[in-house]
Protein backbone atom coordinates (compact mmCIF):
# COMPACT_ATOMS: atom_id res chain seq x y z
CA MET A 1 -5.84 3.23 -5.77
CA THR A 2 -7.17 1.40 -2.74
CA GLN A 3 -10.87 1.29 -2.01
CA ALA A 4 -11.90 4.33 0.00
CA LYS A 5 -12.60 3.66 3.67
CA GLN A 6 -16.09 4.31 4.97
CA PHE A 7 -15.39 6.57 7.91
CA ASN A 8 -17.71 7.56 10.73
CA ALA A 9 -19.66 10.82 10.90
CA ALA A 10 -16.85 12.67 12.72
CA TYR A 11 -14.45 12.26 9.82
CA ALA A 12 -16.89 13.80 7.36
CA GLN A 13 -17.71 16.64 9.75
CA VAL A 14 -14.11 17.58 10.52
CA PHE A 15 -12.21 16.65 7.35
CA GLY A 16 -14.80 16.19 4.62
CA ALA A 17 -16.64 19.51 4.72
CA GLY A 18 -14.96 20.81 1.57
CA HIS A 19 -13.33 23.67 3.47
CA MET A 20 -11.09 24.24 6.47
CA THR A 21 -12.77 23.59 9.81
CA LEU A 22 -12.00 24.78 13.33
CA GLY A 23 -11.85 22.80 16.54
CA LEU A 24 -11.19 23.78 20.15
CA MET A 25 -8.86 22.22 22.68
CA THR A 26 -10.59 21.60 26.00
CA PRO A 27 -10.74 22.39 28.86
CA LEU A 28 -11.26 25.89 27.51
CA ALA A 29 -11.15 27.96 30.69
CA ARG A 30 -8.97 25.94 33.08
CA LYS A 31 -6.80 28.06 35.36
CA PRO A 32 -3.12 27.05 35.60
CA GLY A 33 -2.59 24.38 38.23
CA GLU A 34 -6.32 23.81 38.80
CA ALA A 35 -8.86 21.31 37.57
CA ALA A 36 -11.44 22.59 35.12
CA ASP A 37 -14.80 23.97 36.25
CA ILE A 38 -17.12 21.30 34.90
CA THR A 39 -20.25 23.48 34.77
CA ALA A 40 -18.45 26.25 32.91
CA GLU A 41 -16.84 23.83 30.46
CA MET A 42 -20.13 22.14 29.61
CA MET A 43 -21.69 25.54 28.91
CA LEU A 44 -18.77 26.50 26.66
CA ALA A 45 -18.99 23.17 24.83
CA ALA A 46 -22.69 23.72 24.17
CA ARG A 47 -21.94 27.22 22.90
CA ALA A 48 -19.24 25.94 20.53
CA ASP A 49 -21.66 23.31 19.27
CA ALA A 50 -24.32 25.94 18.55
CA LEU A 51 -21.82 28.21 16.77
CA GLY A 52 -20.75 25.56 14.27
CA PHE A 53 -17.28 24.56 15.43
CA SER A 54 -16.51 21.12 14.03
CA ALA A 55 -14.73 19.44 16.95
CA LEU A 56 -13.84 19.53 20.63
CA TRP A 57 -10.51 17.95 21.56
CA THR A 58 -8.68 17.02 24.72
CA ARG A 59 -5.32 15.51 25.55
CA GLU A 60 -4.10 12.90 27.96
CA VAL A 61 -1.71 13.86 30.76
CA PRO A 62 -1.27 10.81 33.03
CA LEU A 63 0.81 12.57 35.72
CA VAL A 64 0.82 16.19 36.90
CA ILE A 65 4.32 17.13 35.73
CA PRO A 66 5.45 20.70 34.96
CA GLN A 67 6.14 21.14 31.24
CA GLY A 68 6.71 23.88 28.69
CA SER A 69 8.50 27.20 28.89
CA ASP A 70 6.23 28.43 31.69
CA GLY A 71 6.62 25.26 33.76
CA GLU A 72 2.85 24.74 34.05
CA ALA A 73 1.64 21.42 35.44
CA ALA A 74 -1.54 20.41 33.62
CA VAL A 75 -4.33 19.02 35.78
CA LEU A 76 -6.61 17.12 33.40
CA ASP A 77 -9.36 14.57 33.88
CA ASP A 78 -9.44 11.18 32.18
CA PRO A 79 -9.75 12.10 28.48
CA PHE A 80 -12.50 9.63 27.63
CA LEU A 81 -14.74 10.38 30.59
CA TRP A 82 -14.20 14.06 29.85
CA LEU A 83 -15.15 13.68 26.18
CA ALA A 84 -18.20 11.61 27.08
CA ALA A 85 -19.46 14.50 29.22
CA LEU A 86 -18.77 16.98 26.42
CA ALA A 87 -20.64 14.79 23.96
CA VAL A 88 -23.76 15.02 26.12
CA ALA A 89 -23.47 18.79 26.54
CA ALA A 90 -22.74 19.32 22.84
CA PRO A 91 -24.84 16.78 20.90
CA HIS A 92 -23.72 17.62 17.35
CA ILE A 93 -20.02 18.43 17.43
CA ALA A 94 -17.28 15.82 16.90
CA ILE A 95 -15.04 14.90 19.84
CA GLY A 96 -11.50 13.61 19.80
CA THR A 97 -8.25 12.96 21.62
CA ALA A 98 -5.16 14.97 20.65
CA ALA A 99 -3.64 12.85 21.93
CA THR A 100 -3.82 9.82 24.17
CA VAL A 101 -0.49 8.17 25.02
CA LEU A 102 -0.67 4.88 23.15
CA PRO A 103 2.38 3.09 24.62
CA LEU A 104 1.01 3.55 28.16
CA ARG A 105 -2.39 1.99 27.38
CA HIS A 106 -3.16 -1.63 26.58
CA PRO A 107 -4.49 -1.63 23.02
CA LEU A 108 -7.43 -3.92 23.82
CA HIS A 109 -8.60 -1.69 26.68
CA LEU A 110 -8.20 1.35 24.44
CA ALA A 111 -10.06 -0.35 21.60
CA LYS A 112 -12.97 -1.17 23.92
CA THR A 113 -13.12 2.46 25.03
CA ALA A 114 -12.91 3.82 21.48
CA LEU A 115 -15.65 1.49 20.24
CA SER A 116 -17.88 2.55 23.11
CA MET A 117 -17.21 6.24 22.55
CA ASP A 118 -17.99 5.92 18.87
CA ARG A 119 -21.19 3.95 19.43
CA MET A 120 -22.51 6.14 22.23
CA THR A 121 -21.88 9.38 20.30
CA GLY A 122 -23.37 8.19 17.02
CA GLY A 123 -20.02 8.11 15.23
CA ARG A 124 -18.76 11.49 16.45
CA PHE A 125 -15.42 10.20 17.75
CA ILE A 126 -11.85 10.63 16.45
CA LEU A 127 -8.92 8.87 18.12
CA GLY A 128 -5.66 10.86 18.08
CA LEU A 129 -2.63 8.95 19.30
CA GLY A 130 0.84 10.01 20.43
CA SER A 131 3.92 8.20 21.67
CA GLY A 132 4.50 10.19 24.86
CA ASP A 133 7.80 11.77 25.88
CA ARG A 134 7.84 12.23 29.66
CA PRO A 135 10.39 9.94 31.33
CA ALA A 136 8.65 10.12 34.73
CA GLU A 137 5.38 8.85 33.26
CA PHE A 138 7.01 5.87 31.58
CA ALA A 139 8.89 5.05 34.78
CA ALA A 140 5.69 5.24 36.83
CA PHE A 141 3.92 2.86 34.43
CA GLY A 142 6.87 0.45 34.36
CA GLN A 143 7.59 1.16 30.69
CA ASP A 144 10.83 1.88 28.86
CA LEU A 145 10.74 5.29 27.18
CA ASN A 146 13.46 4.15 24.78
CA GLN A 147 11.12 1.49 23.42
CA ASN A 148 8.05 3.68 22.98
CA ASN A 149 8.45 3.91 19.21
CA ILE A 150 8.33 0.13 18.91
CA VAL A 151 5.49 -0.27 21.40
CA PHE A 152 3.56 2.47 19.61
CA ARG A 153 3.59 0.48 16.35
CA GLU A 154 2.72 -2.80 18.07
CA HIS A 155 -0.22 -1.27 19.92
CA TRP A 156 -1.32 0.64 16.82
CA ASN A 157 -1.57 -2.54 14.75
CA ILE A 158 -3.78 -4.30 17.29
CA LEU A 159 -5.88 -1.19 17.82
CA ARG A 160 -6.33 -0.61 14.09
CA SER A 161 -7.57 -4.14 13.55
CA ALA A 162 -9.93 -3.93 16.53
CA LEU A 163 -11.50 -0.69 15.28
CA SER A 164 -11.93 -1.83 11.70
CA PRO A 165 -15.32 -2.77 10.23
CA ASP A 166 -13.49 -5.09 7.83
CA SER A 167 -13.56 -8.75 8.90
CA GLU A 168 -10.17 -9.51 7.35
CA GLU A 169 -8.48 -6.59 9.11
CA ARG A 170 -9.95 -7.73 12.42
CA GLN A 171 -8.00 -10.99 12.27
CA ALA A 172 -4.96 -9.37 13.89
CA MET A 173 -7.09 -8.49 16.89
CA LEU A 174 -8.41 -12.04 17.12
CA ALA A 175 -4.84 -13.29 17.15
CA ALA A 176 -4.18 -11.05 20.16
CA THR A 177 -7.30 -12.23 22.04
CA GLY A 178 -7.10 -15.93 21.30
CA GLY A 179 -9.96 -15.69 18.83
CA TYR A 180 -12.40 -13.69 20.94
CA GLN A 181 -14.12 -10.47 19.90
CA ILE A 182 -14.01 -7.43 22.20
CA GLY A 183 -17.41 -6.16 21.06
CA ILE A 184 -19.55 -5.57 18.03
CA ALA A 185 -17.57 -4.46 14.97
CA PRO A 186 -18.21 -0.81 14.09
CA ALA A 187 -20.32 -0.10 11.02
CA THR A 188 -17.78 2.49 9.84
CA GLN A 189 -14.08 3.18 10.39
CA ILE A 190 -13.12 5.11 13.51
CA PRO A 191 -10.44 7.62 12.36
CA MET A 192 -7.00 7.19 13.91
CA LEU A 193 -4.70 10.22 13.73
CA ALA A 194 -1.00 10.31 14.49
CA VAL A 195 -0.35 13.37 16.68
CA GLY A 196 3.14 14.79 16.45
CA THR A 197 5.78 12.47 15.04
CA ALA A 198 4.79 9.67 17.45
CA LYS A 199 8.48 8.65 17.10
CA GLN A 200 7.68 7.33 13.60
CA SER A 201 8.78 8.27 10.10
CA LEU A 202 6.45 10.42 8.05
CA GLN A 203 6.26 7.56 5.56
CA TRP A 204 4.98 5.21 8.27
CA ILE A 205 2.37 7.77 9.34
CA ALA A 206 1.26 8.27 5.73
CA ALA A 207 0.86 4.53 5.24
CA ASN A 208 -0.89 3.71 8.52
CA ALA A 209 -2.71 6.74 9.93
CA ASP A 210 -5.91 8.39 8.67
CA GLY A 211 -4.37 11.83 9.06
CA TRP A 212 -1.51 13.70 10.66
CA ALA A 213 -1.82 16.34 13.38
CA THR A 214 1.21 18.50 14.07
CA TYR A 215 2.20 21.76 15.69
CA HIS A 216 2.05 25.34 14.49
CA ARG A 217 5.12 26.51 12.59
CA GLU A 218 6.05 29.70 10.76
CA GLU A 219 4.12 29.68 7.48
CA LEU A 220 6.96 28.84 5.10
CA ARG A 221 8.23 26.07 7.37
CA GLN A 222 4.73 24.66 7.69
CA GLN A 223 4.30 24.78 3.93
CA GLY A 224 7.44 22.67 3.69
CA ARG A 225 6.02 20.14 6.16
CA ILE A 226 2.81 19.94 4.17
CA GLY A 227 4.86 19.30 1.05
CA LEU A 228 6.68 16.46 2.80
CA TRP A 229 3.33 15.05 3.92
CA GLU A 230 1.95 15.15 0.39
CA SER A 231 5.07 13.43 -0.92
CA ALA A 232 4.80 10.74 1.76
CA LEU A 233 1.17 10.16 0.79
CA ASP A 234 2.19 9.82 -2.85
CA ASP A 235 4.82 7.25 -1.90
CA ARG A 236 3.03 5.24 0.77
CA ALA A 237 -0.75 5.83 0.74
CA MET A 238 -1.43 4.44 -2.75
CA GLY A 239 -3.18 7.57 -3.97
CA GLU A 240 -5.26 8.18 -0.84
CA ARG A 241 -5.33 11.80 0.32
CA LYS A 242 -5.29 12.20 4.09
CA PRO A 243 -5.85 15.37 6.13
CA PHE A 244 -3.15 17.60 7.56
CA VAL A 245 -4.20 19.00 10.95
CA GLN A 246 -2.48 21.90 12.72
CA SER A 247 -2.74 23.16 16.27
CA LEU A 248 -2.57 26.89 17.07
CA GLN A 249 -2.06 28.67 20.36
CA LEU A 250 -4.29 31.73 19.93
CA ASP A 251 -4.42 35.00 21.83
CA LEU A 252 -7.31 36.77 20.07
CA LEU A 253 -7.22 40.48 20.79
CA GLU A 254 -10.24 42.76 21.10
CA ARG A 255 -8.88 45.11 18.47
CA HIS A 256 -10.17 43.55 15.26
CA ASP A 257 -7.45 45.04 13.04
CA ALA A 258 -4.54 44.14 15.32
CA PRO A 259 -1.69 42.65 13.26
CA LEU A 260 -0.58 39.07 13.66
CA GLU A 261 2.51 38.57 15.80
CA PRO A 262 4.05 35.23 16.72
CA ILE A 263 3.92 33.69 20.18
CA GLU A 264 5.13 30.25 21.26
CA LEU A 265 3.38 27.69 19.02
CA GLY A 266 0.87 30.24 17.78
CA ALA A 267 -0.15 33.85 17.28
CA ARG A 268 -1.46 36.97 18.99
CA THR A 269 -3.77 38.78 16.58
CA GLY A 270 -7.06 40.44 15.80
CA ARG A 271 -9.72 38.56 13.88
CA THR A 272 -9.06 40.22 10.51
CA ALA A 273 -5.43 39.07 10.38
CA LEU A 274 -6.45 35.70 11.82
CA LEU A 275 -8.87 35.13 8.97
CA GLY A 276 -6.19 36.06 6.45
CA TYR A 277 -3.78 33.61 8.07
CA LEU A 278 -6.36 30.80 8.04
CA GLU A 279 -7.11 31.46 4.39
CA ARG A 280 -3.41 31.20 3.53
CA ILE A 281 -2.78 27.93 5.34
CA SER A 282 -6.01 26.51 3.94
CA GLN A 283 -4.63 27.13 0.46
CA GLN A 284 -1.44 25.35 1.54
CA GLY A 285 -3.40 22.25 2.49
CA VAL A 286 -4.34 22.51 6.19
CA ARG A 287 -7.76 20.89 6.58
CA HIS A 288 -8.44 21.45 10.27
CA VAL A 289 -7.04 23.87 12.85
CA LEU A 290 -7.17 22.94 16.51
CA LEU A 291 -7.28 26.16 18.54
CA ASN A 292 -5.87 26.35 22.04
CA LEU A 293 -7.24 29.44 23.82
CA SER A 294 -5.61 28.82 27.20
CA ARG A 295 -3.09 31.66 26.88
CA GLY A 296 -5.55 34.31 25.76
CA SER A 297 -5.96 37.50 27.75
CA ARG A 298 -9.76 37.80 27.34
CA PRO A 299 -12.68 35.81 28.79
CA VAL A 300 -12.86 32.53 26.88
CA GLN A 301 -16.58 32.82 26.15
CA ASP A 302 -15.99 36.16 24.41
CA ILE A 303 -13.32 34.56 22.22
CA VAL A 304 -15.48 31.53 21.39
CA ASP A 305 -18.36 33.83 20.46
CA GLU A 306 -16.19 36.05 18.26
CA LEU A 307 -14.65 33.09 16.46
CA GLY A 308 -17.99 31.38 16.00
CA ILE A 309 -19.78 34.48 14.74
CA HIS A 310 -17.07 36.08 12.59
CA ILE A 311 -14.59 33.35 11.58
CA VAL A 312 -16.38 30.00 11.32
CA PRO A 313 -18.93 31.18 8.69
CA GLN A 314 -16.18 32.80 6.60
CA LEU A 315 -14.21 29.55 6.43
CA GLU A 316 -17.19 27.90 4.77
CA LEU A 317 -16.56 30.19 1.77
CA ILE A 318 -12.97 28.94 1.35
CA SER A 319 -12.72 25.80 -0.78
């Protein structure tokens, strides 16, 4: 077994609590086609922090391109500036990207940003990385979408070495910079998650990433994916156990005993059935659930309050 990495505070908070944890995708209350209300989002972030949620996440959308079954065009701010603002408003919760598009960013620029985010938040930062899949974005950035799997691995290797506290691992970064450092080495490892398949094999993800974040699936299908993940870890991670993270589109209904019914990439349900569902997938091996509340029919603050008061404390009782 390899020597255990010494991760930053965010890793322990989100994945090392001994029970499933909940995070929230931000912006929380953005209206379709509009930029988020900054004042409202900072207030919601502070509320989530006070209620014991473990993480606030955001994703990178370089261009405003309609996507998904509803054809919505996401209008999102720069993910790192956005997370920096959240970190000030919510001084205890972890923050992370889910995900930034690694092939469209120079790995040295991204490493500099990640190191700064980690240092300025006291180790509360997690870096989730995806390969991207929008042809128009790759064309606009002068990149070949058909090569994004290769570029993803190349950028990952440089980024991993730059974010490592280990002097030997940092040699790959020095080779890329002609021997120059890009900053002070972090005291602890900044977690790097693969989000989605990132156009890589599960075996590659198990060997190279610190965890895997994937989408909601029907429970039996997701259990199968978790089994594949565990097998890949057995084969490629040399005994290291790494977290399985799942996103969930959630429409939380006012009626507490409303049954769970599927929606696209998630569920519409009352809190009683939601808790039962979370308990089941926790037993299957899901360590963190990233909730997306954007399609809910109720005011977001009411949903955050209900989850924080009635669900978050109950998850602490599930080992």
